[in-house]
Amino acid sequence: MCDHTHTRHETWVSPINSRHLTSKHVILHPGESMPDHTTGKDREEVLTCLSGKLKVKIGIAETELEFGDSVFIPEDTLHSISNETDADASYVFVVTKQRPEPGRWRGMTVAEARNQHN
């Protein structure tokens, strides 16, 4: 059972943030999880276990990670991460940022972006 007096701890890892990559450090308390979600179109992710044990589901495949173990998550892939143990577990993930469509910036055309700033 999840101890609801704790909340999942997530910290952006600033030194790795760039125009093309971002990362986050996550601590999952016993019983906590990151439920099913996708990497998104044009986004790939690498997840590395820093402490404890994690159960990672990628598509229909499941694996367990311990300290130093990593997994690659391809673009647009459903995945989840859970801590089914009685101790905290932590991981860091690095994900590519979604590339804008050609001729677009932050969902706008260059002309739309210029008009927004005028």
N, C-alpha and C. Protein backbone atom coordinates (compact mmCIF):
# COMPACT_ATOMS: atom_id res chain seq x y z
N MET A 1 0.83 -1.19 0.00
CA MET A 1 0.00 0.00 0.00
C MET A 1 0.87 1.26 0.00
N CYS A 2 0.37 2.25 -0.67
CA CYS A 2 1.08 3.52 -0.77
C CYS A 2 0.83 4.34 0.50
N ASP A 3 1.89 4.90 1.04
CA ASP A 3 1.77 5.79 2.19
C ASP A 3 1.42 7.18 1.65
N HIS A 4 0.18 7.60 1.80
CA HIS A 4 -0.27 8.85 1.21
C HIS A 4 0.23 10.08 1.95
N THR A 5 1.01 9.92 3.02
CA THR A 5 1.57 11.08 3.69
C THR A 5 2.78 11.60 2.92
N HIS A 6 3.28 10.82 1.95
CA HIS A 6 4.41 11.23 1.13
C HIS A 6 3.92 11.56 -0.27
N THR A 7 4.60 12.43 -0.94
CA THR A 7 4.31 12.68 -2.34
C THR A 7 5.55 12.40 -3.16
N ARG A 8 5.32 11.99 -4.37
CA ARG A 8 6.43 11.70 -5.27
C ARG A 8 7.29 12.96 -5.39
N HIS A 9 8.59 12.78 -5.34
CA HIS A 9 9.52 13.91 -5.44
C HIS A 9 10.12 13.94 -6.83
N GLU A 10 9.97 15.06 -7.52
CA GLU A 10 10.53 15.20 -8.86
C GLU A 10 11.36 16.48 -8.92
N THR A 11 12.53 16.38 -9.48
CA THR A 11 13.42 17.54 -9.59
C THR A 11 13.97 17.61 -11.01
N TRP A 12 13.82 18.76 -11.64
CA TRP A 12 14.45 18.95 -12.95
C TRP A 12 15.95 18.99 -12.76
N VAL A 13 16.67 18.31 -13.63
CA VAL A 13 18.13 18.26 -13.55
C VAL A 13 18.66 19.29 -14.53
N SER A 14 18.93 20.49 -14.03
CA SER A 14 19.26 21.63 -14.88
C SER A 14 20.48 21.45 -15.78
N PRO A 15 21.59 20.89 -15.29
CA PRO A 15 22.78 20.87 -16.15
C PRO A 15 22.58 20.13 -17.47
N ILE A 16 21.60 19.23 -17.55
CA ILE A 16 21.43 18.46 -18.78
C ILE A 16 20.42 19.14 -19.71
N ASN A 17 19.67 20.12 -19.22
CA ASN A 17 18.70 20.78 -20.09
C ASN A 17 19.42 21.47 -21.23
N SER A 18 18.92 21.28 -22.42
CA SER A 18 19.50 21.89 -23.60
C SER A 18 18.37 22.16 -24.59
N ARG A 19 18.73 22.61 -25.76
CA ARG A 19 17.71 22.82 -26.79
C ARG A 19 17.06 21.52 -27.21
N HIS A 20 17.77 20.39 -27.06
CA HIS A 20 17.28 19.12 -27.58
C HIS A 20 17.01 18.06 -26.51
N LEU A 21 17.49 18.25 -25.29
CA LEU A 21 17.33 17.26 -24.22
C LEU A 21 16.83 17.92 -22.96
N THR A 22 16.10 17.15 -22.17
CA THR A 22 15.75 17.58 -20.83
C THR A 22 15.81 16.36 -19.93
N SER A 23 15.94 16.58 -18.63
CA SER A 23 16.04 15.44 -17.72
C SER A 23 15.35 15.78 -16.41
N LYS A 24 15.06 14.73 -15.66
CA LYS A 24 14.40 14.89 -14.37
C LYS A 24 14.84 13.76 -13.44
N HIS A 25 15.01 14.09 -12.18
CA HIS A 25 15.29 13.11 -11.13
C HIS A 25 13.98 12.87 -10.39
N VAL A 26 13.61 11.61 -10.23
CA VAL A 26 12.33 11.25 -9.61
C VAL A 26 12.57 10.26 -8.48
N ILE A 27 11.93 10.50 -7.33
CA ILE A 27 11.95 9.55 -6.21
C ILE A 27 10.54 9.00 -6.07
N LEU A 28 10.42 7.68 -6.13
CA LEU A 28 9.13 7.01 -5.91
C LEU A 28 9.16 6.36 -4.54
N HIS A 29 8.23 6.73 -3.69
CA HIS A 29 8.10 6.11 -2.37
C HIS A 29 7.44 4.74 -2.55
N PRO A 30 7.52 3.88 -1.55
CA PRO A 30 6.91 2.55 -1.67
C PRO A 30 5.46 2.62 -2.14
N GLY A 31 5.15 1.82 -3.17
CA GLY A 31 3.79 1.76 -3.69
C GLY A 31 3.45 2.84 -4.71
N GLU A 32 4.33 3.81 -4.93
CA GLU A 32 4.04 4.88 -5.89
C GLU A 32 4.43 4.46 -7.31
N SER A 33 3.84 5.16 -8.28
CA SER A 33 4.17 4.87 -9.67
C SER A 33 3.98 6.09 -10.54
N MET A 34 4.56 6.03 -11.70
CA MET A 34 4.27 6.96 -12.79
C MET A 34 3.40 6.13 -13.73
N PRO A 35 2.09 6.40 -13.77
CA PRO A 35 1.19 5.55 -14.56
C PRO A 35 1.49 5.63 -16.05
N ASP A 36 0.80 4.79 -16.81
CA ASP A 36 1.00 4.74 -18.27
C ASP A 36 0.99 6.13 -18.87
N HIS A 37 2.00 6.40 -19.68
CA HIS A 37 2.10 7.63 -20.45
C HIS A 37 3.00 7.34 -21.65
N THR A 38 3.01 8.22 -22.63
CA THR A 38 3.85 8.00 -23.81
C THR A 38 4.96 9.03 -23.87
N THR A 39 6.00 8.67 -24.58
CA THR A 39 7.10 9.60 -24.80
C THR A 39 6.68 10.71 -25.75
N GLY A 40 5.75 10.43 -26.62
CA GLY A 40 5.28 11.41 -27.58
C GLY A 40 5.97 11.22 -28.93
N LYS A 41 5.41 11.85 -29.92
CA LYS A 41 5.96 11.77 -31.27
C LYS A 41 7.32 12.48 -31.30
N ASP A 42 8.28 11.86 -31.95
CA ASP A 42 9.63 12.43 -32.10
C ASP A 42 10.37 12.61 -30.78
N ARG A 43 10.00 11.84 -29.75
CA ARG A 43 10.70 11.93 -28.46
C ARG A 43 11.17 10.55 -28.05
N GLU A 44 12.42 10.46 -27.64
CA GLU A 44 12.99 9.21 -27.14
C GLU A 44 13.47 9.46 -25.71
N GLU A 45 13.54 8.39 -24.92
CA GLU A 45 13.87 8.54 -23.50
C GLU A 45 14.82 7.43 -23.06
N VAL A 46 15.73 7.79 -22.17
CA VAL A 46 16.58 6.82 -21.48
C VAL A 46 16.33 7.02 -19.99
N LEU A 47 16.06 5.92 -19.29
CA LEU A 47 15.77 5.96 -17.86
C LEU A 47 16.83 5.12 -17.15
N THR A 48 17.43 5.66 -16.09
CA THR A 48 18.47 4.96 -15.33
C THR A 48 18.09 4.93 -13.85
N CYS A 49 18.11 3.73 -13.26
CA CYS A 49 17.81 3.55 -11.85
C CYS A 49 19.00 4.02 -11.01
N LEU A 50 18.73 4.88 -10.03
CA LEU A 50 19.79 5.39 -9.15
C LEU A 50 19.80 4.71 -7.78
N SER A 51 18.62 4.22 -7.35
CA SER A 51 18.56 3.52 -6.06
C SER A 51 17.28 2.70 -6.00
N GLY A 52 17.31 1.67 -5.16
CA GLY A 52 16.14 0.82 -4.99
C GLY A 52 15.91 -0.08 -6.20
N LYS A 53 14.66 -0.54 -6.33
CA LYS A 53 14.26 -1.39 -7.45
C LYS A 53 13.03 -0.79 -8.09
N LEU A 54 13.01 -0.79 -9.41
CA LEU A 54 11.90 -0.26 -10.18
C LEU A 54 11.34 -1.32 -11.11
N LYS A 55 10.04 -1.32 -11.27
CA LYS A 55 9.41 -2.16 -12.28
C LYS A 55 9.04 -1.22 -13.42
N VAL A 56 9.55 -1.53 -14.62
CA VAL A 56 9.30 -0.68 -15.78
C VAL A 56 8.56 -1.50 -16.83
N LYS A 57 7.47 -0.94 -17.30
CA LYS A 57 6.70 -1.57 -18.37
C LYS A 57 6.84 -0.69 -19.60
N ILE A 58 7.31 -1.29 -20.70
CA ILE A 58 7.47 -0.57 -21.96
C ILE A 58 6.67 -1.34 -23.00
N GLY A 59 5.59 -0.73 -23.47
CA GLY A 59 4.67 -1.48 -24.33
C GLY A 59 4.09 -2.63 -23.51
N ILE A 60 4.27 -3.87 -23.98
CA ILE A 60 3.79 -5.03 -23.22
C ILE A 60 4.91 -5.73 -22.45
N ALA A 61 6.16 -5.28 -22.66
CA ALA A 61 7.30 -5.90 -21.98
C ALA A 61 7.51 -5.28 -20.60
N GLU A 62 7.86 -6.12 -19.62
CA GLU A 62 8.16 -5.64 -18.26
C GLU A 62 9.57 -6.05 -17.89
N THR A 63 10.24 -5.18 -17.14
CA THR A 63 11.58 -5.48 -16.64
C THR A 63 11.76 -4.82 -15.29
N GLU A 64 12.71 -5.33 -14.52
CA GLU A 64 13.05 -4.72 -13.24
C GLU A 64 14.42 -4.08 -13.36
N LEU A 65 14.55 -2.89 -12.78
CA LEU A 65 15.82 -2.18 -12.78
C LEU A 65 16.34 -2.03 -11.36
N GLU A 66 17.64 -2.16 -11.21
CA GLU A 66 18.34 -1.87 -9.96
C GLU A 66 19.41 -0.84 -10.25
N PHE A 67 20.14 -0.40 -9.24
CA PHE A 67 21.16 0.63 -9.38
C PHE A 67 22.01 0.43 -10.63
N GLY A 68 22.07 1.47 -11.46
CA GLY A 68 22.90 1.46 -12.65
C GLY A 68 22.27 0.89 -13.89
N ASP A 69 21.13 0.19 -13.76
CA ASP A 69 20.46 -0.37 -14.93
C ASP A 69 19.74 0.74 -15.69
N SER A 70 19.74 0.64 -17.01
CA SER A 70 19.08 1.63 -17.87
C SER A 70 18.19 0.94 -18.89
N VAL A 71 17.19 1.67 -19.36
CA VAL A 71 16.34 1.21 -20.45
C VAL A 71 16.16 2.35 -21.44
N PHE A 72 15.97 1.97 -22.69
CA PHE A 72 15.67 2.92 -23.76
C PHE A 72 14.18 2.81 -24.08
N ILE A 73 13.52 3.94 -24.21
CA ILE A 73 12.10 3.97 -24.53
C ILE A 73 11.94 4.71 -25.86
N PRO A 74 11.54 3.99 -26.90
CA PRO A 74 11.42 4.61 -28.23
C PRO A 74 10.31 5.66 -28.28
N GLU A 75 10.30 6.42 -29.36
CA GLU A 75 9.29 7.46 -29.52
C GLU A 75 7.88 6.87 -29.55
N ASP A 76 6.94 7.66 -29.02
CA ASP A 76 5.51 7.34 -29.05
C ASP A 76 5.21 5.97 -28.45
N THR A 77 5.89 5.62 -27.35
CA THR A 77 5.74 4.31 -26.72
C THR A 77 5.11 4.46 -25.34
N LEU A 78 4.05 3.69 -25.09
CA LEU A 78 3.39 3.68 -23.79
C LEU A 78 4.30 2.99 -22.78
N HIS A 79 4.48 3.62 -21.60
CA HIS A 79 5.33 3.03 -20.57
C HIS A 79 4.89 3.52 -19.19
N SER A 80 5.32 2.77 -18.17
CA SER A 80 5.04 3.13 -16.78
C SER A 80 6.21 2.69 -15.91
N ILE A 81 6.35 3.33 -14.76
CA ILE A 81 7.43 3.02 -13.82
C ILE A 81 6.78 2.91 -12.44
N SER A 82 7.11 1.85 -11.69
CA SER A 82 6.52 1.70 -10.36
C SER A 82 7.55 1.18 -9.36
N ASN A 83 7.29 1.50 -8.11
CA ASN A 83 8.08 1.01 -6.99
C ASN A 83 7.17 0.10 -6.18
N GLU A 84 7.38 -1.20 -6.31
CA GLU A 84 6.54 -2.18 -5.61
C GLU A 84 7.25 -2.75 -4.39
N THR A 85 8.28 -2.05 -3.90
CA THR A 85 9.03 -2.50 -2.74
C THR A 85 8.63 -1.70 -1.51
N ASP A 86 9.27 -1.98 -0.38
CA ASP A 86 8.98 -1.24 0.85
C ASP A 86 10.03 -0.18 1.15
N ALA A 87 10.83 0.19 0.14
CA ALA A 87 11.86 1.23 0.29
C ALA A 87 11.76 2.21 -0.88
N ASP A 88 12.23 3.43 -0.66
CA ASP A 88 12.25 4.41 -1.75
C ASP A 88 13.09 3.90 -2.92
N ALA A 89 12.74 4.35 -4.11
CA ALA A 89 13.51 4.06 -5.32
C ALA A 89 13.62 5.36 -6.10
N SER A 90 14.73 5.55 -6.80
CA SER A 90 14.87 6.78 -7.57
C SER A 90 15.47 6.49 -8.93
N TYR A 91 15.19 7.41 -9.85
CA TYR A 91 15.72 7.27 -11.19
C TYR A 91 15.88 8.65 -11.81
N VAL A 92 16.65 8.70 -12.86
CA VAL A 92 16.76 9.90 -13.66
C VAL A 92 16.40 9.51 -15.09
N PHE A 93 15.70 10.41 -15.77
CA PHE A 93 15.43 10.16 -17.18
C PHE A 93 15.91 11.34 -18.00
N VAL A 94 16.35 11.03 -19.19
CA VAL A 94 16.74 12.04 -20.17
C VAL A 94 15.88 11.79 -21.39
N VAL A 95 15.22 12.84 -21.85
CA VAL A 95 14.29 12.71 -22.97
C VAL A 95 14.58 13.80 -24.00
N THR A 96 14.46 13.42 -25.26
CA THR A 96 14.61 14.42 -26.31
C THR A 96 13.36 15.29 -26.31
N LYS A 97 13.56 16.57 -26.58
CA LYS A 97 12.42 17.48 -26.67
C LYS A 97 11.76 17.30 -28.03
N GLN A 98 10.45 17.48 -28.04
CA GLN A 98 9.72 17.31 -29.29
C GLN A 98 10.18 18.35 -30.30
N ARG A 99 10.49 17.87 -31.48
CA ARG A 99 10.93 18.77 -32.55
C ARG A 99 9.72 19.49 -33.13
N PRO A 100 9.86 20.79 -33.40
CA PRO A 100 8.74 21.50 -34.01
C PRO A 100 8.54 21.06 -35.45
N GLU A 101 7.33 21.20 -35.92
CA GLU A 101 7.07 20.90 -37.32
C GLU A 101 7.89 21.87 -38.16
N PRO A 102 8.34 21.45 -39.34
CA PRO A 102 9.09 22.37 -40.21
C PRO A 102 8.30 23.65 -40.45
N GLY A 103 8.95 24.79 -40.31
CA GLY A 103 8.30 26.08 -40.54
C GLY A 103 7.48 26.56 -39.36
N ARG A 104 7.55 25.83 -38.20
CA ARG A 104 6.77 26.24 -37.03
C ARG A 104 7.70 26.38 -35.82
N TRP A 105 7.30 27.23 -34.89
CA TRP A 105 8.06 27.45 -33.67
C TRP A 105 7.06 27.55 -32.54
N ARG A 106 7.18 26.70 -31.54
CA ARG A 106 6.24 26.66 -30.42
C ARG A 106 4.79 26.57 -30.90
N GLY A 107 4.59 25.75 -31.95
CA GLY A 107 3.23 25.53 -32.46
C GLY A 107 2.73 26.62 -33.37
N MET A 108 3.55 27.64 -33.66
CA MET A 108 3.13 28.75 -34.51
C MET A 108 4.05 28.84 -35.72
N THR A 109 3.54 29.44 -36.78
CA THR A 109 4.42 29.75 -37.89
C THR A 109 5.30 30.91 -37.45
N VAL A 110 6.36 31.15 -38.16
CA VAL A 110 7.25 32.27 -37.82
C VAL A 110 6.48 33.58 -37.88
N ALA A 111 5.61 33.75 -38.87
CA ALA A 111 4.81 34.97 -38.99
C ALA A 111 3.89 35.14 -37.78
N GLU A 112 3.25 34.06 -37.33
CA GLU A 112 2.37 34.14 -36.15
C GLU A 112 3.16 34.51 -34.90
N ALA A 113 4.36 33.96 -34.77
CA ALA A 113 5.20 34.28 -33.61
C ALA A 113 5.62 35.74 -33.63
N ARG A 114 5.95 36.27 -34.81
CA ARG A 114 6.34 37.69 -34.91
C ARG A 114 5.16 38.58 -34.54
N ASN A 115 3.96 38.24 -35.04
CA ASN A 115 2.76 39.04 -34.73
C ASN A 115 2.44 39.03 -33.25
N GLN A 116 2.71 37.92 -32.57
CA GLN A 116 2.42 37.81 -31.14
C GLN A 116 3.29 38.76 -30.34
N HIS A 117 4.50 39.03 -30.81
CA HIS A 117 5.43 39.89 -30.07
C HIS A 117 5.33 41.36 -30.48
N ASN A 118 4.46 41.68 -31.43
CA ASN A 118 4.30 43.08 -31.87
C ASN A 118 3.16 43.74 -31.14
